[in-house]
Amino acid sequence: MLRLGPLHLHWSLILGATLFCAAQPRPLLLLGYAAVLLAHVAGHAAALPGTRVGVSAVMLHGLGGELLGEGETTPLRRSVIALCGVLAQLALLTAALLARDALPADLHDAFIRR
């Protein structure tokens, strides 16, 4: 099991949520924003098994998230770990496109249009 450690929330998370929701605090838009951020971090975490990188915390910020920790890996593997965050967001977009008719309007907007 992958232990991610404590969750740190950067101040820019509030700014990102405000901009993402266009200063309209609709709950489903905020939920969609959080889902995109969590998918991003989960993508990074999914790429870690098999490396010597240890995660001590998770940092969420306005543009995504990152895993904080220590350990060394090759530059190529580090690039793959970074890419997996974006690929997880792409997977979420694909799922939202496939289920677009079943999603509430605000979630559709959060996952596909923003």
N, C-alpha and C. Protein backbone atom coordinates (compact mmCIF):
# COMPACT_ATOMS: atom_id res chain seq x y z
N MET A 1 0.84 -1.18 0.00
CA MET A 1 0.00 0.00 0.00
C MET A 1 0.89 1.25 0.00
N LEU A 2 0.47 2.22 -0.75
CA LEU A 2 1.22 3.46 -0.86
C LEU A 2 0.75 4.43 0.21
N ARG A 3 1.66 4.83 1.07
CA ARG A 3 1.33 5.83 2.10
C ARG A 3 1.74 7.19 1.58
N LEU A 4 0.80 8.10 1.51
CA LEU A 4 1.08 9.41 0.95
C LEU A 4 1.45 10.45 1.99
N GLY A 5 1.23 10.19 3.24
CA GLY A 5 1.60 11.16 4.26
C GLY A 5 0.59 12.28 4.38
N PRO A 6 0.96 13.34 5.08
CA PRO A 6 0.02 14.44 5.31
C PRO A 6 -0.30 15.21 4.03
N LEU A 7 -1.40 15.87 4.07
CA LEU A 7 -1.86 16.69 2.95
C LEU A 7 -1.61 18.15 3.28
N HIS A 8 -0.87 18.84 2.41
CA HIS A 8 -0.60 20.27 2.58
C HIS A 8 -1.39 21.03 1.52
N LEU A 9 -2.04 22.10 1.92
CA LEU A 9 -2.81 22.93 1.00
C LEU A 9 -2.12 24.28 0.87
N HIS A 10 -1.66 24.60 -0.33
CA HIS A 10 -0.98 25.85 -0.61
C HIS A 10 -2.02 26.96 -0.74
N TRP A 11 -1.65 28.19 -0.41
CA TRP A 11 -2.59 29.31 -0.48
C TRP A 11 -3.14 29.51 -1.88
N SER A 12 -2.38 29.15 -2.91
CA SER A 12 -2.82 29.36 -4.29
C SER A 12 -4.01 28.47 -4.66
N LEU A 13 -4.30 27.48 -3.83
CA LEU A 13 -5.46 26.62 -4.06
C LEU A 13 -6.75 27.45 -4.04
N ILE A 14 -6.84 28.42 -3.15
CA ILE A 14 -8.02 29.28 -3.08
C ILE A 14 -8.10 30.16 -4.32
N LEU A 15 -6.97 30.70 -4.75
CA LEU A 15 -6.94 31.52 -5.96
C LEU A 15 -7.32 30.67 -7.17
N GLY A 16 -6.76 29.46 -7.27
CA GLY A 16 -7.08 28.57 -8.39
C GLY A 16 -8.55 28.22 -8.42
N ALA A 17 -9.13 27.92 -7.27
CA ALA A 17 -10.56 27.59 -7.20
C ALA A 17 -11.41 28.79 -7.60
N THR A 18 -11.02 29.97 -7.18
CA THR A 18 -11.77 31.18 -7.53
C THR A 18 -11.73 31.43 -9.03
N LEU A 19 -10.56 31.30 -9.63
CA LEU A 19 -10.44 31.50 -11.07
C LEU A 19 -11.14 30.39 -11.85
N PHE A 20 -11.01 29.15 -11.40
CA PHE A 20 -11.62 28.01 -12.07
C PHE A 20 -13.14 28.15 -12.07
N CYS A 21 -13.69 28.61 -10.97
CA CYS A 21 -15.14 28.74 -10.84
C CYS A 21 -15.65 30.10 -11.30
N ALA A 22 -14.77 30.92 -11.83
CA ALA A 22 -15.12 32.27 -12.30
C ALA A 22 -15.86 33.06 -11.23
N ALA A 23 -15.37 32.94 -10.00
CA ALA A 23 -15.93 33.65 -8.84
C ALA A 23 -17.41 33.34 -8.62
N GLN A 24 -17.85 32.17 -9.10
CA GLN A 24 -19.23 31.70 -8.87
C GLN A 24 -19.13 30.43 -8.04
N PRO A 25 -19.24 30.52 -6.74
CA PRO A 25 -19.00 29.35 -5.88
C PRO A 25 -20.11 28.31 -5.96
N ARG A 26 -20.19 27.63 -7.09
CA ARG A 26 -21.16 26.55 -7.25
C ARG A 26 -20.52 25.26 -6.76
N PRO A 27 -21.18 24.53 -5.88
CA PRO A 27 -20.58 23.35 -5.25
C PRO A 27 -20.07 22.30 -6.23
N LEU A 28 -20.80 22.03 -7.30
CA LEU A 28 -20.34 21.00 -8.24
C LEU A 28 -19.13 21.44 -9.04
N LEU A 29 -19.00 22.74 -9.30
CA LEU A 29 -17.78 23.23 -9.94
C LEU A 29 -16.59 23.04 -9.03
N LEU A 30 -16.77 23.36 -7.75
CA LEU A 30 -15.68 23.16 -6.78
C LEU A 30 -15.34 21.68 -6.64
N LEU A 31 -16.34 20.82 -6.66
CA LEU A 31 -16.10 19.38 -6.61
C LEU A 31 -15.32 18.92 -7.84
N GLY A 32 -15.68 19.45 -8.99
CA GLY A 32 -14.95 19.11 -10.22
C GLY A 32 -13.51 19.56 -10.16
N TYR A 33 -13.28 20.77 -9.65
CA TYR A 33 -11.92 21.29 -9.50
C TYR A 33 -11.10 20.38 -8.58
N ALA A 34 -11.70 19.99 -7.45
CA ALA A 34 -11.01 19.09 -6.51
C ALA A 34 -10.74 17.74 -7.16
N ALA A 35 -11.68 17.24 -7.95
CA ALA A 35 -11.49 15.94 -8.61
C ALA A 35 -10.33 15.99 -9.61
N VAL A 36 -10.21 17.09 -10.33
CA VAL A 36 -9.10 17.23 -11.29
C VAL A 36 -7.77 17.26 -10.54
N LEU A 37 -7.71 18.01 -9.45
CA LEU A 37 -6.47 18.08 -8.66
C LEU A 37 -6.11 16.72 -8.07
N LEU A 38 -7.09 16.03 -7.52
CA LEU A 38 -6.82 14.71 -6.92
C LEU A 38 -6.44 13.68 -7.98
N ALA A 39 -7.05 13.75 -9.15
CA ALA A 39 -6.66 12.85 -10.24
C ALA A 39 -5.21 13.10 -10.64
N HIS A 40 -4.82 14.37 -10.67
CA HIS A 40 -3.45 14.74 -11.02
C HIS A 40 -2.44 14.13 -10.04
N VAL A 41 -2.71 14.29 -8.76
CA VAL A 41 -1.80 13.75 -7.74
C VAL A 41 -1.82 12.23 -7.75
N ALA A 42 -2.99 11.63 -7.96
CA ALA A 42 -3.08 10.17 -8.03
C ALA A 42 -2.28 9.63 -9.20
N GLY A 43 -2.23 10.38 -10.29
CA GLY A 43 -1.42 9.97 -11.43
C GLY A 43 0.06 9.93 -11.09
N HIS A 44 0.53 10.96 -10.37
CA HIS A 44 1.92 10.94 -9.90
C HIS A 44 2.16 9.73 -9.01
N ALA A 45 1.26 9.49 -8.08
CA ALA A 45 1.43 8.40 -7.11
C ALA A 45 1.42 7.04 -7.80
N ALA A 46 0.63 6.90 -8.85
CA ALA A 46 0.56 5.62 -9.56
C ALA A 46 1.87 5.27 -10.25
N ALA A 47 2.69 6.27 -10.54
CA ALA A 47 3.96 6.03 -11.22
C ALA A 47 5.10 5.73 -10.26
N LEU A 48 4.86 5.78 -8.96
CA LEU A 48 5.95 5.62 -7.99
C LEU A 48 6.37 4.19 -7.70
N PRO A 49 5.48 3.20 -7.71
CA PRO A 49 5.94 1.84 -7.38
C PRO A 49 7.11 1.41 -8.28
N GLY A 50 8.08 0.80 -7.66
CA GLY A 50 9.27 0.38 -8.39
C GLY A 50 10.39 1.40 -8.35
N THR A 51 10.16 2.53 -7.72
CA THR A 51 11.21 3.54 -7.59
C THR A 51 11.69 3.57 -6.14
N ARG A 52 12.74 4.30 -5.93
CA ARG A 52 13.27 4.48 -4.57
C ARG A 52 12.85 5.82 -4.00
N VAL A 53 11.76 6.34 -4.50
CA VAL A 53 11.26 7.63 -4.05
C VAL A 53 10.25 7.40 -2.94
N GLY A 54 10.48 8.05 -1.80
CA GLY A 54 9.55 7.97 -0.68
C GLY A 54 8.74 9.24 -0.58
N VAL A 55 7.46 9.11 -0.36
CA VAL A 55 6.57 10.26 -0.27
C VAL A 55 6.29 10.55 1.20
N SER A 56 6.56 11.78 1.61
CA SER A 56 6.30 12.16 3.00
C SER A 56 5.06 13.04 3.12
N ALA A 57 4.63 13.65 2.02
CA ALA A 57 3.45 14.52 2.06
C ALA A 57 2.95 14.77 0.65
N VAL A 58 1.75 15.29 0.57
CA VAL A 58 1.13 15.69 -0.69
C VAL A 58 0.84 17.19 -0.59
N MET A 59 1.25 17.93 -1.61
CA MET A 59 0.99 19.38 -1.66
C MET A 59 0.01 19.64 -2.80
N LEU A 60 -1.14 20.24 -2.47
CA LEU A 60 -2.08 20.68 -3.50
C LEU A 60 -1.95 22.19 -3.63
N HIS A 61 -1.85 22.65 -4.88
CA HIS A 61 -1.76 24.09 -5.13
C HIS A 61 -2.66 24.43 -6.30
N GLY A 62 -2.72 25.66 -6.65
CA GLY A 62 -3.66 26.14 -7.65
C GLY A 62 -3.54 25.51 -9.02
N LEU A 63 -2.38 25.03 -9.39
CA LEU A 63 -2.18 24.45 -10.71
C LEU A 63 -2.12 22.93 -10.72
N GLY A 64 -2.33 22.31 -9.61
CA GLY A 64 -2.26 20.85 -9.55
C GLY A 64 -1.79 20.40 -8.20
N GLY A 65 -0.86 19.50 -8.21
CA GLY A 65 -0.35 18.99 -6.96
C GLY A 65 0.99 18.34 -7.18
N GLU A 66 1.66 18.06 -6.09
CA GLU A 66 2.95 17.39 -6.17
C GLU A 66 3.15 16.53 -4.95
N LEU A 67 3.98 15.54 -5.12
CA LEU A 67 4.32 14.64 -4.02
C LEU A 67 5.63 15.13 -3.43
N LEU A 68 5.67 15.30 -2.13
CA LEU A 68 6.87 15.76 -1.45
C LEU A 68 7.53 14.57 -0.78
N GLY A 69 8.82 14.48 -0.92
CA GLY A 69 9.52 13.37 -0.29
C GLY A 69 10.99 13.38 -0.64
N GLU A 70 11.57 12.22 -0.53
CA GLU A 70 13.00 12.11 -0.79
C GLU A 70 13.28 10.82 -1.52
N GLY A 71 14.46 10.78 -2.08
CA GLY A 71 14.88 9.62 -2.84
C GLY A 71 15.33 10.05 -4.22
N GLU A 72 16.09 9.20 -4.84
CA GLU A 72 16.63 9.51 -6.16
C GLU A 72 16.07 8.56 -7.20
N THR A 73 15.92 9.08 -8.38
CA THR A 73 15.51 8.28 -9.53
C THR A 73 16.14 8.91 -10.77
N THR A 74 16.07 8.23 -11.87
CA THR A 74 16.69 8.74 -13.09
C THR A 74 15.87 9.92 -13.62
N PRO A 75 16.51 10.79 -14.41
CA PRO A 75 15.76 11.91 -15.00
C PRO A 75 14.59 11.43 -15.87
N LEU A 76 14.78 10.32 -16.58
CA LEU A 76 13.69 9.80 -17.40
C LEU A 76 12.52 9.36 -16.53
N ARG A 77 12.80 8.64 -15.45
CA ARG A 77 11.74 8.18 -14.56
C ARG A 77 11.05 9.37 -13.90
N ARG A 78 11.80 10.40 -13.55
CA ARG A 78 11.21 11.61 -12.96
C ARG A 78 10.26 12.27 -13.97
N SER A 79 10.64 12.26 -15.24
CA SER A 79 9.77 12.81 -16.29
C SER A 79 8.51 11.98 -16.44
N VAL A 80 8.63 10.66 -16.35
CA VAL A 80 7.47 9.78 -16.44
C VAL A 80 6.52 10.04 -15.27
N ILE A 81 7.07 10.21 -14.08
CA ILE A 81 6.25 10.50 -12.90
C ILE A 81 5.49 11.82 -13.10
N ALA A 82 6.17 12.83 -13.64
CA ALA A 82 5.53 14.11 -13.90
C ALA A 82 4.44 13.97 -14.97
N LEU A 83 4.73 13.22 -16.02
CA LEU A 83 3.77 13.03 -17.11
C LEU A 83 2.52 12.30 -16.64
N CYS A 84 2.66 11.40 -15.70
CA CYS A 84 1.51 10.62 -15.23
C CYS A 84 0.45 11.48 -14.57
N GLY A 85 0.83 12.62 -14.00
CA GLY A 85 -0.17 13.54 -13.45
C GLY A 85 -1.08 14.08 -14.54
N VAL A 86 -0.49 14.48 -15.65
CA VAL A 86 -1.27 15.00 -16.78
C VAL A 86 -2.08 13.87 -17.43
N LEU A 87 -1.49 12.68 -17.54
CA LEU A 87 -2.21 11.55 -18.13
C LEU A 87 -3.44 11.17 -17.30
N ALA A 88 -3.34 11.29 -15.99
CA ALA A 88 -4.50 11.01 -15.13
C ALA A 88 -5.61 12.04 -15.39
N GLN A 89 -5.24 13.28 -15.60
CA GLN A 89 -6.23 14.30 -15.95
C GLN A 89 -6.85 13.99 -17.31
N LEU A 90 -6.05 13.50 -18.24
CA LEU A 90 -6.57 13.11 -19.55
C LEU A 90 -7.55 11.94 -19.42
N ALA A 91 -7.25 11.00 -18.53
CA ALA A 91 -8.16 9.88 -18.29
C ALA A 91 -9.49 10.39 -17.71
N LEU A 92 -9.42 11.36 -16.81
CA LEU A 92 -10.64 11.95 -16.25
C LEU A 92 -11.44 12.66 -17.33
N LEU A 93 -10.77 13.38 -18.21
CA LEU A 93 -11.44 14.05 -19.32
C LEU A 93 -12.12 13.03 -20.23
N THR A 94 -11.42 11.94 -20.54
CA THR A 94 -11.99 10.90 -21.39
C THR A 94 -13.24 10.30 -20.76
N ALA A 95 -13.16 10.00 -19.47
CA ALA A 95 -14.33 9.45 -18.76
C ALA A 95 -15.49 10.45 -18.77
N ALA A 96 -15.18 11.73 -18.59
CA ALA A 96 -16.23 12.75 -18.59
C ALA A 96 -16.85 12.89 -19.98
N LEU A 97 -16.04 12.77 -21.03
CA LEU A 97 -16.59 12.84 -22.38
C LEU A 97 -17.50 11.66 -22.67
N LEU A 98 -17.12 10.49 -22.19
CA LEU A 98 -17.94 9.30 -22.41
C LEU A 98 -19.26 9.37 -21.63
N ALA A 99 -19.23 10.05 -20.48
CA ALA A 99 -20.43 10.12 -19.63
C ALA A 99 -21.06 11.51 -19.66
N ARG A 100 -20.80 12.27 -20.69
CA ARG A 100 -21.24 13.67 -20.69
C ARG A 100 -22.74 13.85 -20.53
N ASP A 101 -23.54 12.94 -21.06
CA ASP A 101 -24.99 13.08 -20.93
C ASP A 101 -25.49 12.76 -19.53
N ALA A 102 -24.71 11.98 -18.78
CA ALA A 102 -25.13 11.58 -17.44
C ALA A 102 -24.64 12.55 -16.36
N LEU A 103 -23.71 13.43 -16.72
CA LEU A 103 -23.15 14.36 -15.73
C LEU A 103 -24.05 15.57 -15.53
N PRO A 104 -24.14 16.07 -14.30
CA PRO A 104 -24.82 17.36 -14.09
C PRO A 104 -24.07 18.46 -14.85
N ALA A 105 -24.77 19.50 -15.19
CA ALA A 105 -24.20 20.57 -16.03
C ALA A 105 -22.92 21.16 -15.44
N ASP A 106 -22.88 21.39 -14.14
CA ASP A 106 -21.69 21.99 -13.53
C ASP A 106 -20.49 21.05 -13.58
N LEU A 107 -20.71 19.75 -13.37
CA LEU A 107 -19.60 18.80 -13.47
C LEU A 107 -19.13 18.68 -14.91
N HIS A 108 -20.07 18.68 -15.85
CA HIS A 108 -19.70 18.67 -17.27
C HIS A 108 -18.83 19.87 -17.58
N ASP A 109 -19.23 21.02 -17.08
CA ASP A 109 -18.46 22.24 -17.28
C ASP A 109 -17.07 22.14 -16.65
N ALA A 110 -16.99 21.61 -15.45
CA ALA A 110 -15.72 21.50 -14.74
C ALA A 110 -14.76 20.53 -15.42
N PHE A 111 -15.26 19.40 -15.89
CA PHE A 111 -14.39 18.37 -16.46
C PHE A 111 -14.05 18.61 -17.92
N ILE A 112 -14.94 19.23 -18.67
CA ILE A 112 -14.75 19.30 -20.12
C ILE A 112 -14.45 20.71 -20.61
N ARG A 113 -15.12 21.70 -20.08
CA ARG A 113 -15.00 23.04 -20.65
C ARG A 113 -13.95 23.90 -19.99
N ARG A 114 -13.56 23.61 -18.76
CA ARG A 114 -12.64 24.51 -18.06
C ARG A 114 -11.28 23.96 -18.10
